[in-house]
Amino acid sequence: MGQYYKFINKTKDKESEIALPFNFGMPWAKSLEYDSEEELRKKFDYVIEHNQWDEADHVQAVGDYGATYDYPEER
């Protein structure tokens, strides 16, 4: 069983509350630890775009048990 993750814009100190199509319209994501880097980036891109956040902002996914993911950098 995976963690639940909320997306937080650390730059603006704001939590995302938008409905996510990849989690049945809930504002949090589940089990990001199983996503590929590409899948994770797509989810972050969706959250950033639909919150109208700046791509340069520090956006982080924070899990129930303390795991965190930062917006993945392109390689």
PDB file of N, CA and C in Angstrom:
ATOM      1  N   MET A   1       0.848  -1.177   0.000  1.00  0.00           N
ATOM      2  CA  MET A   1       0.000   0.000   0.000  1.00  0.00           C
ATOM      3  C   MET A   1       0.896   1.243   0.000  1.00  0.00           C
ATOM      4  N   GLY A   2       0.566   2.196  -0.853  1.00  0.00           N
ATOM      5  CA  GLY A   2       1.393   3.381  -0.988  1.00  0.00           C
ATOM      6  C   GLY A   2       0.929   4.533  -0.117  1.00  0.00           C
ATOM      7  N   GLN A   3       1.687   5.572  -0.183  1.00  0.00           N
ATOM      8  CA  GLN A   3       1.377   6.796   0.565  1.00  0.00           C
ATOM      9  C   GLN A   3       0.455   7.694  -0.258  1.00  0.00           C
ATOM     10  N   TYR A   4      -0.193   8.601   0.422  1.00  0.00           N
ATOM     11  CA  TYR A   4      -0.947   9.659  -0.232  1.00  0.00           C
ATOM     12  C   TYR A   4      -0.087  10.911  -0.195  1.00  0.00           C
ATOM     13  N   TYR A   5      -0.037  11.629  -1.318  1.00  0.00           N
ATOM     14  CA  TYR A   5       0.821  12.798  -1.449  1.00  0.00           C
ATOM     15  C   TYR A   5       0.019  14.041  -1.769  1.00  0.00           C
ATOM     16  N   LYS A   6       0.313  15.119  -1.063  1.00  0.00           N
ATOM     17  CA  LYS A   6      -0.258  16.410  -1.418  1.00  0.00           C
ATOM     18  C   LYS A   6       0.840  17.225  -2.089  1.00  0.00           C
ATOM     19  N   PHE A   7       0.446  18.043  -3.049  1.00  0.00           N
ATOM     20  CA  PHE A   7       1.393  18.886  -3.772  1.00  0.00           C
ATOM     21  C   PHE A   7       1.424  20.254  -3.113  1.00  0.00           C
ATOM     22  N   ILE A   8       2.625  20.707  -2.791  1.00  0.00           N
ATOM     23  CA  ILE A   8       2.801  21.976  -2.091  1.00  0.00           C
ATOM     24  C   ILE A   8       3.777  22.852  -2.860  1.00  0.00           C
ATOM     25  N   ASN A   9       3.358  24.087  -3.089  1.00  0.00           N
ATOM     26  CA  ASN A   9       4.250  25.076  -3.684  1.00  0.00           C
ATOM     27  C   ASN A   9       4.985  25.725  -2.522  1.00  0.00           C
ATOM     28  N   LYS A  10       6.228  25.335  -2.317  1.00  0.00           N
ATOM     29  CA  LYS A  10       7.025  25.842  -1.202  1.00  0.00           C
ATOM     30  C   LYS A  10       7.357  27.329  -1.379  1.00  0.00           C
ATOM     31  N   THR A  11       7.480  27.768  -2.625  1.00  0.00           N
ATOM     32  CA  THR A  11       7.788  29.173  -2.884  1.00  0.00           C
ATOM     33  C   THR A  11       6.651  30.070  -2.425  1.00  0.00           C
ATOM     34  N   LYS A  12       5.424  29.659  -2.734  1.00  0.00           N
ATOM     35  CA  LYS A  12       4.249  30.459  -2.397  1.00  0.00           C
ATOM     36  C   LYS A  12       3.589  30.016  -1.088  1.00  0.00           C
ATOM     37  N   ASP A  13       4.102  28.935  -0.480  1.00  0.00           N
ATOM     38  CA  ASP A  13       3.535  28.368   0.731  1.00  0.00           C
ATOM     39  C   ASP A  13       2.039  28.094   0.549  1.00  0.00           C
ATOM     40  N   LYS A  14       1.739  27.350  -0.527  1.00  0.00           N
ATOM     41  CA  LYS A  14       0.347  27.075  -0.877  1.00  0.00           C
ATOM     42  C   LYS A  14       0.205  25.610  -1.286  1.00  0.00           C
ATOM     43  N   GLU A  15      -0.834  24.968  -0.777  1.00  0.00           N
ATOM     44  CA  GLU A  15      -1.123  23.578  -1.111  1.00  0.00           C
ATOM     45  C   GLU A  15      -2.111  23.525  -2.270  1.00  0.00           C
ATOM     46  N   SER A  16      -1.883  22.608  -3.197  1.00  0.00           N
ATOM     47  CA  SER A  16      -2.788  22.438  -4.327  1.00  0.00           C
ATOM     48  C   SER A  16      -4.115  21.853  -3.845  1.00  0.00           C
ATOM     49  N   GLU A  17      -5.199  22.406  -4.358  1.00  0.00           N
ATOM     50  CA  GLU A  17      -6.533  21.901  -4.025  1.00  0.00           C
ATOM     51  C   GLU A  17      -7.323  21.533  -5.268  1.00  0.00           C
ATOM     52  N   ILE A  18      -6.644  21.500  -6.427  1.00  0.00           N
ATOM     53  CA  ILE A  18      -7.342  21.185  -7.672  1.00  0.00           C
ATOM     54  C   ILE A  18      -7.656  19.689  -7.751  1.00  0.00           C
ATOM     55  N   ALA A  19      -8.700  19.360  -8.488  1.00  0.00           N
ATOM     56  CA  ALA A  19      -9.063  17.958  -8.719  1.00  0.00           C
ATOM     57  C   ALA A  19      -8.054  17.338  -9.680  1.00  0.00           C
ATOM     58  N   LEU A  20      -7.537  16.186  -9.330  1.00  0.00           N
ATOM     59  CA  LEU A  20      -6.541  15.514 -10.156  1.00  0.00           C
ATOM     60  C   LEU A  20      -7.186  14.380 -10.952  1.00  0.00           C
ATOM     61  N   PRO A  21      -7.054  14.400 -12.280  1.00  0.00           N
ATOM     62  CA  PRO A  21      -7.672  13.358 -13.102  1.00  0.00           C
ATOM     63  C   PRO A  21      -7.025  11.989 -12.902  1.00  0.00           C
ATOM     64  N   PHE A  22      -5.812  11.962 -12.371  1.00  0.00           N
ATOM     65  CA  PHE A  22      -5.126  10.694 -12.148  1.00  0.00           C
ATOM     66  C   PHE A  22      -5.405  10.126 -10.762  1.00  0.00           C
ATOM     67  N   ASN A  23      -6.337  10.730 -10.022  1.00  0.00           N
ATOM     68  CA  ASN A  23      -6.767  10.154  -8.744  1.00  0.00           C
ATOM     69  C   ASN A  23      -8.245  10.457  -8.488  1.00  0.00           C
ATOM     70  N   PHE A  24      -9.061  10.147  -9.479  1.00  0.00           N
ATOM     71  CA  PHE A  24     -10.520  10.219  -9.343  1.00  0.00           C
ATOM     72  C   PHE A  24     -11.017  11.575  -8.854  1.00  0.00           C
ATOM     73  N   GLY A  25     -10.333  12.643  -9.249  1.00  0.00           N
ATOM     74  CA  GLY A  25     -10.764  13.987  -8.891  1.00  0.00           C
ATOM     75  C   GLY A  25     -10.379  14.449  -7.494  1.00  0.00           C
ATOM     76  N   MET A  26      -9.621  13.656  -6.786  1.00  0.00           N
ATOM     77  CA  MET A  26      -9.167  14.059  -5.451  1.00  0.00           C
ATOM     78  C   MET A  26      -7.987  15.023  -5.601  1.00  0.00           C
ATOM     79  N   PRO A  27      -7.715  15.882  -4.611  1.00  0.00           N
ATOM     80  CA  PRO A  27      -6.616  16.843  -4.728  1.00  0.00           C
ATOM     81  C   PRO A  27      -5.248  16.281  -4.331  1.00  0.00           C
ATOM     82  N   TRP A  28      -5.160  15.000  -4.063  1.00  0.00           N
ATOM     83  CA  TRP A  28      -3.892  14.384  -3.682  1.00  0.00           C
ATOM     84  C   TRP A  28      -3.644  13.183  -4.585  1.00  0.00           C
ATOM     85  N   ALA A  29      -2.403  12.751  -4.657  1.00  0.00           N
ATOM     86  CA  ALA A  29      -2.010  11.619  -5.494  1.00  0.00           C
ATOM     87  C   ALA A  29      -1.647  10.439  -4.608  1.00  0.00           C
ATOM     88  N   LYS A  30      -1.712   9.247  -5.171  1.00  0.00           N
ATOM     89  CA  LYS A  30      -1.407   8.043  -4.410  1.00  0.00           C
ATOM     90  C   LYS A  30      -0.228   7.306  -5.044  1.00  0.00           C
ATOM     91  N   SER A  31       0.642   6.802  -4.193  1.00  0.00           N
ATOM     92  CA  SER A  31       1.717   5.889  -4.594  1.00  0.00           C
ATOM     93  C   SER A  31       2.664   6.446  -5.660  1.00  0.00           C
ATOM     94  N   LEU A  32       3.099   7.683  -5.497  1.00  0.00           N
ATOM     95  CA  LEU A  32       4.047   8.258  -6.451  1.00  0.00           C
ATOM     96  C   LEU A  32       5.357   7.485  -6.490  1.00  0.00           C
ATOM     97  N   GLU A  33       5.642   6.753  -5.431  1.00  0.00           N
ATOM     98  CA  GLU A  33       6.893   5.997  -5.375  1.00  0.00           C
ATOM     99  C   GLU A  33       6.976   4.914  -6.455  1.00  0.00           C
ATOM    100  N   TYR A  34       5.846   4.574  -7.061  1.00  0.00           N
ATOM    101  CA  TYR A  34       5.831   3.558  -8.118  1.00  0.00           C
ATOM    102  C   TYR A  34       5.862   4.159  -9.519  1.00  0.00           C
ATOM    103  N   ASP A  35       5.800   5.489  -9.626  1.00  0.00           N
ATOM    104  CA  ASP A  35       5.803   6.165 -10.927  1.00  0.00           C
ATOM    105  C   ASP A  35       7.209   6.282 -11.484  1.00  0.00           C
ATOM    106  N   SER A  36       7.293   6.229 -12.795  1.00  0.00           N
ATOM    107  CA  SER A  36       8.572   6.506 -13.450  1.00  0.00           C
ATOM    108  C   SER A  36       8.826   8.008 -13.356  1.00  0.00           C
ATOM    109  N   GLU A  37      10.047   8.416 -13.661  1.00  0.00           N
ATOM    110  CA  GLU A  37      10.369   9.839 -13.624  1.00  0.00           C
ATOM    111  C   GLU A  37       9.494  10.607 -14.615  1.00  0.00           C
ATOM    112  N   GLU A  38       9.225  10.005 -15.758  1.00  0.00           N
ATOM    113  CA  GLU A  38       8.377  10.644 -16.774  1.00  0.00           C
ATOM    114  C   GLU A  38       6.938  10.803 -16.270  1.00  0.00           C
ATOM    115  N   GLU A  39       6.398   9.775 -15.652  1.00  0.00           N
ATOM    116  CA  GLU A  39       5.035   9.852 -15.106  1.00  0.00           C
ATOM    117  C   GLU A  39       4.951  10.901 -13.993  1.00  0.00           C
ATOM    118  N   LEU A  40       5.950  10.921 -13.153  1.00  0.00           N
ATOM    119  CA  LEU A  40       5.995  11.881 -12.052  1.00  0.00           C
ATOM    120  C   LEU A  40       6.053  13.315 -12.592  1.00  0.00           C
ATOM    121  N   ARG A  41       6.874  13.520 -13.600  1.00  0.00           N
ATOM    122  CA  ARG A  41       6.990  14.848 -14.203  1.00  0.00           C
ATOM    123  C   ARG A  41       5.652  15.294 -14.799  1.00  0.00           C
ATOM    124  N   LYS A  42       4.940  14.401 -15.460  1.00  0.00           N
ATOM    125  CA  LYS A  42       3.639  14.733 -16.045  1.00  0.00           C
ATOM    126  C   LYS A  42       2.645  15.155 -14.962  1.00  0.00           C
ATOM    127  N   LYS A  43       2.672  14.485 -13.829  1.00  0.00           N
ATOM    128  CA  LYS A  43       1.771  14.830 -12.727  1.00  0.00           C
ATOM    129  C   LYS A  43       2.122  16.199 -12.145  1.00  0.00           C
ATOM    130  N   PHE A  44       3.402  16.440 -11.939  1.00  0.00           N
ATOM    131  CA  PHE A  44       3.833  17.756 -11.460  1.00  0.00           C
ATOM    132  C   PHE A  44       3.455  18.838 -12.476  1.00  0.00           C
ATOM    133  N   ASP A  45       3.685  18.579 -13.772  1.00  0.00           N
ATOM    134  CA  ASP A  45       3.339  19.550 -14.808  1.00  0.00           C
ATOM    135  C   ASP A  45       1.853  19.887 -14.764  1.00  0.00           C
ATOM    136  N   TYR A  46       1.003  18.886 -14.588  1.00  0.00           N
ATOM    137  CA  TYR A  46      -0.442  19.107 -14.510  1.00  0.00           C
ATOM    138  C   TYR A  46      -0.784  20.004 -13.314  1.00  0.00           C
ATOM    139  N   VAL A  47      -0.227  19.674 -12.169  1.00  0.00           N
ATOM    140  CA  VAL A  47      -0.504  20.442 -10.946  1.00  0.00           C
ATOM    141  C   VAL A  47      -0.029  21.889 -11.093  1.00  0.00           C
ATOM    142  N   ILE A  48       1.162  22.081 -11.624  1.00  0.00           N
ATOM    143  CA  ILE A  48       1.713  23.427 -11.797  1.00  0.00           C
ATOM    144  C   ILE A  48       0.870  24.233 -12.787  1.00  0.00           C
ATOM    145  N   GLU A  49       0.528  23.622 -13.915  1.00  0.00           N
ATOM    146  CA  GLU A  49      -0.254  24.325 -14.933  1.00  0.00           C
ATOM    147  C   GLU A  49      -1.641  24.714 -14.426  1.00  0.00           C
ATOM    148  N   HIS A  50      -2.334  23.785 -13.809  1.00  0.00           N
ATOM    149  CA  HIS A  50      -3.717  24.030 -13.402  1.00  0.00           C
ATOM    150  C   HIS A  50      -3.852  24.876 -12.135  1.00  0.00           C
ATOM    151  N   ASN A  51      -2.766  25.014 -11.394  1.00  0.00           N
ATOM    152  CA  ASN A  51      -2.758  25.954 -10.264  1.00  0.00           C
ATOM    153  C   ASN A  51      -2.256  27.324 -10.700  1.00  0.00           C
ATOM    154  N   GLN A  52      -1.802  27.403 -11.948  1.00  0.00           N
ATOM    155  CA  GLN A  52      -1.217  28.624 -12.501  1.00  0.00           C
ATOM    156  C   GLN A  52       0.008  29.063 -11.693  1.00  0.00           C
ATOM    157  N   TRP A  53       0.806  28.069 -11.300  1.00  0.00           N
ATOM    158  CA  TRP A  53       2.046  28.327 -10.603  1.00  0.00           C
ATOM    159  C   TRP A  53       3.155  28.511 -11.626  1.00  0.00           C
ATOM    160  N   ASP A  54       4.206  29.136 -11.228  1.00  0.00           N
ATOM    161  CA  ASP A  54       5.361  29.346 -12.082  1.00  0.00           C
ATOM    162  C   ASP A  54       6.223  28.079 -12.076  1.00  0.00           C
ATOM    163  N   GLU A  55       6.729  27.707 -13.242  1.00  0.00           N
ATOM    164  CA  GLU A  55       7.575  26.507 -13.334  1.00  0.00           C
ATOM    165  C   GLU A  55       8.854  26.638 -12.519  1.00  0.00           C
ATOM    166  N   ALA A  56       9.255  27.852 -12.211  1.00  0.00           N
ATOM    167  CA  ALA A  56      10.470  28.073 -11.429  1.00  0.00           C
ATOM    168  C   ALA A  56      10.228  27.932  -9.921  1.00  0.00           C
ATOM    169  N   ASP A  57       8.949  27.852  -9.516  1.00  0.00           N
ATOM    170  CA  ASP A  57       8.630  27.689  -8.098  1.00  0.00           C
ATOM    171  C   ASP A  57       9.103  26.324  -7.592  1.00  0.00           C
ATOM    172  N   HIS A  58       9.414  26.257  -6.321  1.00  0.00           N
ATOM    173  CA  HIS A  58       9.787  24.986  -5.697  1.00  0.00           C
ATOM    174  C   HIS A  58       8.507  24.252  -5.322  1.00  0.00           C
ATOM    175  N   VAL A  59       8.184  23.225  -6.107  1.00  0.00           N
ATOM    176  CA  VAL A  59       6.973  22.434  -5.877  1.00  0.00           C
ATOM    177  C   VAL A  59       7.395  21.057  -5.405  1.00  0.00           C
ATOM    178  N   GLN A  60       6.719  20.578  -4.386  1.00  0.00           N
ATOM    179  CA  GLN A  60       7.083  19.317  -3.758  1.00  0.00           C
ATOM    180  C   GLN A  60       5.821  18.493  -3.500  1.00  0.00           C
ATOM    181  N   ALA A  61       5.943  17.181  -3.652  1.00  0.00           N
ATOM    182  CA  ALA A  61       4.884  16.259  -3.249  1.00  0.00           C
ATOM    183  C   ALA A  61       5.307  15.692  -1.902  1.00  0.00           C
ATOM    184  N   VAL A  62       4.428  15.810  -0.912  1.00  0.00           N
ATOM    185  CA  VAL A  62       4.744  15.380   0.449  1.00  0.00           C
ATOM    186  C   VAL A  62       3.794  14.250   0.838  1.00  0.00           C
ATOM    187  N   GLY A  63       4.380  13.107   1.212  1.00  0.00           N
ATOM    188  CA  GLY A  63       3.593  11.928   1.548  1.00  0.00           C
ATOM    189  C   GLY A  63       3.193  11.864   3.008  1.00  0.00           C
ATOM    190  N   ASP A  64       2.188  11.030   3.268  1.00  0.00           N
ATOM    191  CA  ASP A  64       1.678  10.811   4.624  1.00  0.00           C
ATOM    192  C   ASP A  64       2.759  10.391   5.614  1.00  0.00           C
ATOM    193  N   TYR A  65       3.731   9.627   5.130  1.00  0.00           N
ATOM    194  CA  TYR A  65       4.740   9.078   6.030  1.00  0.00           C
ATOM    195  C   TYR A  65       6.082   9.793   5.907  1.00  0.00           C
ATOM    196  N   GLY A  66       6.052  11.002   5.328  1.00  0.00           N
ATOM    197  CA  GLY A  66       7.259  11.811   5.291  1.00  0.00           C
ATOM    198  C   GLY A  66       8.079  11.747   4.022  1.00  0.00           C
ATOM    199  N   ALA A  67       7.749  10.856   3.086  1.00  0.00           N
ATOM    200  CA  ALA A  67       8.485  10.817   1.821  1.00  0.00           C
ATOM    201  C   ALA A  67       8.171  12.084   1.033  1.00  0.00           C
ATOM    202  N   THR A  68       9.161  12.592   0.328  1.00  0.00           N
ATOM    203  CA  THR A  68       8.946  13.786  -0.488  1.00  0.00           C
ATOM    204  C   THR A  68       9.537  13.594  -1.875  1.00  0.00           C
ATOM    205  N   TYR A  69       8.919  14.249  -2.837  1.00  0.00           N
ATOM    206  CA  TYR A  69       9.434  14.301  -4.200  1.00  0.00           C
ATOM    207  C   TYR A  69       9.436  15.752  -4.624  1.00  0.00           C
ATOM    208  N   ASP A  70      10.565  16.194  -5.155  1.00  0.00           N
ATOM    209  CA  ASP A  70      10.650  17.530  -5.718  1.00  0.00           C
ATOM    210  C   ASP A  70      10.327  17.433  -7.213  1.00  0.00           C
ATOM    211  N   TYR A  71       9.926  18.555  -7.795  1.00  0.00           N
ATOM    212  CA  TYR A  71       9.653  18.591  -9.224  1.00  0.00           C
ATOM    213  C   TYR A  71      10.861  18.036  -9.965  1.00  0.00           C
ATOM    214  N   PRO A  72      10.677  16.961 -10.734  1.00  0.00           N
ATOM    215  CA  PRO A  72      11.829  16.321 -11.400  1.00  0.00           C
ATOM    216  C   PRO A  72      12.468  17.226 -12.449  1.00  0.00           C
ATOM    217  N   GLU A  73      13.771  17.257 -12.455  1.00  0.00           N
ATOM    218  CA  GLU A  73      14.495  18.041 -13.445  1.00  0.00           C
ATOM    219  C   GLU A  73      14.614  17.242 -14.733  1.00  0.00           C
ATOM    220  N   GLU A  74      14.625  17.957 -15.848  1.00  0.00           N
ATOM    221  CA  GLU A  74      14.815  17.298 -17.140  1.00  0.00           C
ATOM    222  C   GLU A  74      16.254  16.836 -17.250  1.00  0.00           C
ATOM    223  N   ARG A  75      16.424  15.710 -17.890  1.00  0.00           N
ATOM    224  CA  ARG A  75      17.787  15.188 -18.073  1.00  0.00           C
ATOM    225  C   ARG A  75      18.096  15.069 -19.525  1.00  0.00           C
TER     226      ARG A  75
END
